Each structure stands twice: as structure tokens, then as C-alpha cells.
Amino acid sequence: MLDVSLPALAATAHVSPLPIRSIASLASRKKLGLELPGAGKRRGNILWNGPNSWLFLDTSAAELAAQTSAAVTDQSDGLFSFAVTGPHAVDILKKLLPIDIERFAPDDVAITTAAHIGVRVWREGDAYILACFRSFAVALQHALGEAAAEFSSGRG
């Protein structure tokens, strides 16, 4: 998993009708030569990760960095992800997330909290993926287990 951030645009004397974030997004997309997802969205293996920041779930960001001025940081060892699937996935996540997970579409991305732990959430098909910093992985695993306990059929 790679984190890609594009540097902020330098201030200019031009007055633009667009907010700076929109200008940066438009410039970033043109600079990288690919269609990056907008706020709160996912496009294939690229996830929005905040203003002018995207997570690449493959190694394509390293190739982009060689061609652009994008700052690329390898997050492979910094983030831990959990896939929540099954008939009770939404019920489990409703206990942990302060967002309306029932209305979460397959290409939606959210930066939020789960049991007071910062997470990125997205869907891959029927699976809900939660990624947190690895130092919080054990705590998030525990919280997911507690939230799922009532749906357990008695198997450890």
C-alpha cells in the first residue's frame, strides 16, 4: 500500500473562482496522467486519502513518482487491514463506526473512527475493508471481535 501526496500549489496573484483544493485536484490529475478518485471515492486500486492525497493498493505509485513531483511514501508496513464480510457485516460495523454504513456504496471511502481508532473504510464487493495504523491493529481486532460476539454460533 502506497500513500501518494501532491505538493500544495504555490500562491499566485491570480484570482480563481475555484477553491484551491479543486485547482490542486485538477492539476494533480493532469500531472499524474490518470483519473484519480474524488473525495470519498475509490477507483480500482486507488483510494482517496484526504485532500490531494491517495492510497495506491499496488505498486503503480512508485512508477508515477519517477515521472512526477508527487511525494510517495510506502505504507505497506504501516497499515493493517481487516476485511469484514458475511451476513452480519453491516450490523457489526454499525456498532463501531459513526457513519451510515448501510448507505455505503461499493466505491465509497471514508476516513473515520472505529471504536475510537482512526481507520480508512472502503468496500470491495461484499467485503468492508478497515485499515488502521498497525500499532492499533490488536485493539481494532479486539473491537471487531466484541462487536461480532452476539452473532457467533458458539464456535471459538
C-alpha atoms as a PDB file:
ATOM      1  CA  MET A   1       0.000   0.000   0.000  1.00  0.00           C
ATOM      2  CA  LEU A   2       1.467   3.313  -1.040  1.00  0.00           C
ATOM      3  CA  ASP A   3       0.454   6.785   0.047  1.00  0.00           C
ATOM      4  CA  VAL A   4       0.736   9.497  -2.587  1.00  0.00           C
ATOM      5  CA  SER A   5       0.518  13.197  -1.757  1.00  0.00           C
ATOM      6  CA  LEU A   6       0.958  16.014  -4.178  1.00  0.00           C
ATOM      7  CA  PRO A   7       2.601  19.218  -3.006  1.00  0.00           C
ATOM      8  CA  ALA A   8       0.374  22.219  -2.435  1.00  0.00           C
ATOM      9  CA  LEU A   9       0.227  24.731  -5.244  1.00  0.00           C
ATOM     10  CA  ALA A  10       2.274  27.859  -4.824  1.00  0.00           C
ATOM     11  CA  ALA A  11       0.267  31.017  -4.206  1.00  0.00           C
ATOM     12  CA  THR A  12      -0.261  33.147  -7.287  1.00  0.00           C
ATOM     13  CA  ALA A  13      -1.597  36.620  -7.980  1.00  0.00           C
ATOM     14  CA  HIS A  14      -4.446  35.119  -9.995  1.00  0.00           C
ATOM     15  CA  VAL A  15      -7.912  35.136  -8.500  1.00  0.00           C
ATOM     16  CA  SER A  16      -9.667  31.889  -9.281  1.00  0.00           C
ATOM     17  CA  PRO A  17     -13.377  31.105  -8.990  1.00  0.00           C
ATOM     18  CA  LEU A  18     -12.404  27.596  -7.842  1.00  0.00           C
ATOM     19  CA  PRO A  19     -11.281  26.724  -4.320  1.00  0.00           C
ATOM     20  CA  ILE A  20      -7.562  25.927  -4.082  1.00  0.00           C
ATOM     21  CA  ARG A  21      -8.349  22.290  -3.297  1.00  0.00           C
ATOM     22  CA  SER A  22     -10.229  21.921  -6.562  1.00  0.00           C
ATOM     23  CA  ILE A  23      -7.402  23.554  -8.502  1.00  0.00           C
ATOM     24  CA  ALA A  24      -4.891  21.249  -6.843  1.00  0.00           C
ATOM     25  CA  SER A  25      -7.053  18.245  -7.618  1.00  0.00           C
ATOM     26  CA  LEU A  26      -7.389  19.229 -11.270  1.00  0.00           C
ATOM     27  CA  ALA A  27      -3.667  19.937 -11.586  1.00  0.00           C
ATOM     28  CA  SER A  28      -2.805  16.706  -9.769  1.00  0.00           C
ATOM     29  CA  ARG A  29      -4.935  14.570 -12.041  1.00  0.00           C
ATOM     30  CA  LYS A  30      -3.411  16.143 -15.135  1.00  0.00           C
ATOM     31  CA  LYS A  31       0.106  15.877 -13.706  1.00  0.00           C
ATOM     32  CA  LEU A  32      -0.239  12.179 -12.873  1.00  0.00           C
ATOM     33  CA  GLY A  33      -1.860  11.374 -16.189  1.00  0.00           C
ATOM     34  CA  LEU A  34      -4.596   9.207 -14.734  1.00  0.00           C
ATOM     35  CA  GLU A  35      -8.066   9.579 -13.362  1.00  0.00           C
ATOM     36  CA  LEU A  36      -7.757   9.880  -9.596  1.00  0.00           C
ATOM     37  CA  PRO A  37     -10.869   9.392  -7.484  1.00  0.00           C
ATOM     38  CA  GLY A  38     -12.558  12.417  -5.969  1.00  0.00           C
ATOM     39  CA  ALA A  39     -13.279  12.995  -2.296  1.00  0.00           C
ATOM     40  CA  GLY A  40     -14.710   9.953  -0.560  1.00  0.00           C
ATOM     41  CA  LYS A  41     -14.330   7.666  -3.570  1.00  0.00           C
ATOM     42  CA  ARG A  42     -12.303   4.732  -4.849  1.00  0.00           C
ATOM     43  CA  ARG A  43     -11.292   3.975  -8.423  1.00  0.00           C
ATOM     44  CA  GLY A  44      -9.920   0.473  -8.791  1.00  0.00           C
ATOM     45  CA  ASN A  45      -6.887   0.199  -6.520  1.00  0.00           C
ATOM     46  CA  ILE A  46      -6.667   3.937  -5.845  1.00  0.00           C
ATOM     47  CA  LEU A  47      -8.428   5.359  -2.786  1.00  0.00           C
ATOM     48  CA  TRP A  48      -8.979   8.967  -1.827  1.00  0.00           C
ATOM     49  CA  ASN A  49      -6.984   9.627   1.357  1.00  0.00           C
ATOM     50  CA  GLY A  50      -7.772  13.277   2.093  1.00  0.00           C
ATOM     51  CA  PRO A  51      -7.184  16.494   0.148  1.00  0.00           C
ATOM     52  CA  ASN A  52      -4.602  15.879  -2.601  1.00  0.00           C
ATOM     53  CA  SER A  53      -3.712  12.504  -1.132  1.00  0.00           C
ATOM     54  CA  TRP A  54      -4.456   8.995  -2.407  1.00  0.00           C
ATOM     55  CA  LEU A  55      -3.671   5.463  -1.307  1.00  0.00           C
ATOM     56  CA  PHE A  56      -2.499   3.104  -4.027  1.00  0.00           C
ATOM     57  CA  LEU A  57      -3.134  -0.544  -3.178  1.00  0.00           C
ATOM     58  CA  ASP A  58      -0.442  -1.682  -5.597  1.00  0.00           C
ATOM     59  CA  THR A  59       2.985  -0.539  -6.761  1.00  0.00           C
ATOM     60  CA  SER A  60       1.847   1.781  -9.544  1.00  0.00           C
ATOM     61  CA  ALA A  61       2.546   4.841  -7.366  1.00  0.00           C
ATOM     62  CA  ALA A  62       6.292   4.158  -7.399  1.00  0.00           C
ATOM     63  CA  GLU A  63       6.257   4.339 -11.182  1.00  0.00           C
ATOM     64  CA  LEU A  64       4.301   7.607 -11.044  1.00  0.00           C
ATOM     65  CA  ALA A  65       6.763   9.137  -8.595  1.00  0.00           C
ATOM     66  CA  ALA A  66       9.588   8.736 -11.084  1.00  0.00           C
ATOM     67  CA  GLN A  67       7.607  10.743 -13.639  1.00  0.00           C
ATOM     68  CA  THR A  68       6.090  13.488 -11.468  1.00  0.00           C
ATOM     69  CA  SER A  69       6.740  15.647  -8.435  1.00  0.00           C
ATOM     70  CA  ALA A  70       4.352  13.585  -6.310  1.00  0.00           C
ATOM     71  CA  ALA A  71       5.610  12.595  -2.880  1.00  0.00           C
ATOM     72  CA  VAL A  72       5.297   8.830  -2.451  1.00  0.00           C
ATOM     73  CA  THR A  73       5.535   7.030   0.863  1.00  0.00           C
ATOM     74  CA  ASP A  74       5.409   3.249   1.213  1.00  0.00           C
ATOM     75  CA  GLN A  75       2.719   2.457   3.782  1.00  0.00           C
ATOM     76  CA  SER A  76       2.873  -1.331   3.413  1.00  0.00           C
ATOM     77  CA  ASP A  77       4.373  -1.857   6.849  1.00  0.00           C
ATOM     78  CA  GLY A  78       2.456   0.992   8.490  1.00  0.00           C
ATOM     79  CA  LEU A  79      -1.139  -0.010   7.842  1.00  0.00           C
ATOM     80  CA  PHE A  80      -3.021  -3.164   8.762  1.00  0.00           C
ATOM     81  CA  SER A  81      -6.309  -4.051   7.103  1.00  0.00           C
ATOM     82  CA  PHE A  82      -9.275  -6.167   8.122  1.00  0.00           C
ATOM     83  CA  ALA A  83     -11.991  -7.494   5.796  1.00  0.00           C
ATOM     84  CA  VAL A  84     -15.431  -7.739   7.381  1.00  0.00           C
ATOM     85  CA  THR A  85     -17.764  -9.983   5.395  1.00  0.00           C
ATOM     86  CA  GLY A  86     -20.818 -12.141   5.872  1.00  0.00           C
ATOM     87  CA  PRO A  87     -24.497 -11.684   6.598  1.00  0.00           C
ATOM     88  CA  HIS A  88     -23.868  -9.620   9.749  1.00  0.00           C
ATOM     89  CA  ALA A  89     -21.049  -7.393   8.441  1.00  0.00           C
ATOM     90  CA  VAL A  90     -23.169  -4.237   8.415  1.00  0.00           C
ATOM     91  CA  ASP A  91     -24.609  -4.994  11.871  1.00  0.00           C
ATOM     92  CA  ILE A  92     -21.105  -5.454  13.276  1.00  0.00           C
ATOM     93  CA  LEU A  93     -19.798  -2.254  11.700  1.00  0.00           C
ATOM     94  CA  LYS A  94     -22.814  -0.232  12.850  1.00  0.00           C
ATOM     95  CA  LYS A  95     -21.614  -0.873  16.409  1.00  0.00           C
ATOM     96  CA  LEU A  96     -18.166   0.570  15.698  1.00  0.00           C
ATOM     97  CA  LEU A  97     -18.456   3.260  13.024  1.00  0.00           C
ATOM     98  CA  PRO A  98     -20.051   6.712  13.407  1.00  0.00           C
ATOM     99  CA  ILE A  99     -21.044   6.741   9.716  1.00  0.00           C
ATOM    100  CA  ASP A 100     -24.133   5.349   7.982  1.00  0.00           C
ATOM    101  CA  ILE A 101     -22.522   2.130   6.800  1.00  0.00           C
ATOM    102  CA  GLU A 102     -25.836   0.832   5.439  1.00  0.00           C
ATOM    103  CA  ARG A 103     -25.724   3.504   2.722  1.00  0.00           C
ATOM    104  CA  PHE A 104     -22.045   2.912   1.914  1.00  0.00           C
ATOM    105  CA  ALA A 105     -21.687   2.216  -1.820  1.00  0.00           C
ATOM    106  CA  PRO A 106     -19.014  -0.075  -3.298  1.00  0.00           C
ATOM    107  CA  ASP A 107     -16.779   2.811  -4.425  1.00  0.00           C
ATOM    108  CA  ASP A 108     -17.190   4.912  -1.268  1.00  0.00           C
ATOM    109  CA  VAL A 109     -14.233   5.637   1.004  1.00  0.00           C
ATOM    110  CA  ALA A 110     -14.371   7.173   4.464  1.00  0.00           C
ATOM    111  CA  ILE A 111     -11.715   8.347   6.866  1.00  0.00           C
ATOM    112  CA  THR A 112     -13.363   7.910  10.250  1.00  0.00           C
ATOM    113  CA  THR A 113     -13.030   6.076  13.555  1.00  0.00           C
ATOM    114  CA  ALA A 114     -13.896   2.564  14.668  1.00  0.00           C
ATOM    115  CA  ALA A 115     -14.007   2.160  18.442  1.00  0.00           C
ATOM    116  CA  HIS A 116     -12.001   5.410  18.801  1.00  0.00           C
ATOM    117  CA  ILE A 117      -9.321   4.129  16.385  1.00  0.00           C
ATOM    118  CA  GLY A 118      -8.625   6.077  13.199  1.00  0.00           C
ATOM    119  CA  VAL A 119      -9.493   3.984  10.149  1.00  0.00           C
ATOM    120  CA  ARG A 120      -9.995   4.180   6.430  1.00  0.00           C
ATOM    121  CA  VAL A 121     -13.053   2.228   5.292  1.00  0.00           C
ATOM    122  CA  TRP A 122     -13.958   1.084   1.805  1.00  0.00           C
ATOM    123  CA  ARG A 123     -15.870  -1.693   0.099  1.00  0.00           C
ATOM    124  CA  GLU A 124     -14.558  -4.370  -2.202  1.00  0.00           C
ATOM    125  CA  GLY A 125     -17.619  -6.232  -3.436  1.00  0.00           C
ATOM    126  CA  ASP A 126     -19.435  -7.509  -0.347  1.00  0.00           C
ATOM    127  CA  ALA A 127     -16.411  -7.016   1.913  1.00  0.00           C
ATOM    128  CA  TYR A 128     -15.889  -3.921   4.032  1.00  0.00           C
ATOM    129  CA  ILE A 129     -12.188  -3.168   4.458  1.00  0.00           C
ATOM    130  CA  LEU A 130     -10.950  -1.304   7.530  1.00  0.00           C
ATOM    131  CA  ALA A 131      -7.321  -0.137   7.516  1.00  0.00           C
ATOM    132  CA  CYS A 132      -5.673   1.273  10.618  1.00  0.00           C
ATOM    133  CA  PHE A 133      -2.133   2.019  11.709  1.00  0.00           C
ATOM    134  CA  ARG A 134      -0.555  -1.280  12.635  1.00  0.00           C
ATOM    135  CA  SER A 135       0.072  -0.197  16.238  1.00  0.00           C
ATOM    136  CA  PHE A 136      -3.739  -0.178  16.666  1.00  0.00           C
ATOM    137  CA  ALA A 137      -4.362  -3.491  14.868  1.00  0.00           C
ATOM    138  CA  VAL A 138      -4.712  -5.592  18.031  1.00  0.00           C
ATOM    139  CA  ALA A 139      -7.149  -3.097  19.553  1.00  0.00           C
ATOM    140  CA  LEU A 140      -9.223  -2.979  16.367  1.00  0.00           C
ATOM    141  CA  GLN A 141      -9.207  -6.773  16.129  1.00  0.00           C
ATOM    142  CA  HIS A 142     -10.486  -6.929  19.710  1.00  0.00           C
ATOM    143  CA  ALA A 143     -13.203  -4.341  18.997  1.00  0.00           C
ATOM    144  CA  LEU A 144     -14.314  -6.247  15.893  1.00  0.00           C
ATOM    145  CA  GLY A 145     -14.438  -9.479  17.886  1.00  0.00           C
ATOM    146  CA  GLU A 146     -16.529  -7.857  20.626  1.00  0.00           C
ATOM    147  CA  ALA A 147     -18.916  -6.349  18.076  1.00  0.00           C
ATOM    148  CA  ALA A 148     -19.287  -9.724  16.346  1.00  0.00           C
ATOM    149  CA  ALA A 149     -19.731 -11.776  19.524  1.00  0.00           C
ATOM    150  CA  GLU A 150     -23.529 -11.719  19.520  1.00  0.00           C
ATOM    151  CA  PHE A 151     -23.557 -13.181  16.018  1.00  0.00           C
ATOM    152  CA  SER A 152     -21.215 -16.043  16.915  1.00  0.00           C
ATOM    153  CA  SER A 153     -22.685 -19.516  16.756  1.00  0.00           C
ATOM    154  CA  GLY A 154     -20.607 -20.647  19.729  1.00  0.00           C
ATOM    155  CA  ARG A 155     -17.521 -21.525  17.686  1.00  0.00           C
ATOM    156  CA  GLY A 156     -14.485 -20.006  19.420  1.00  0.00           C
END
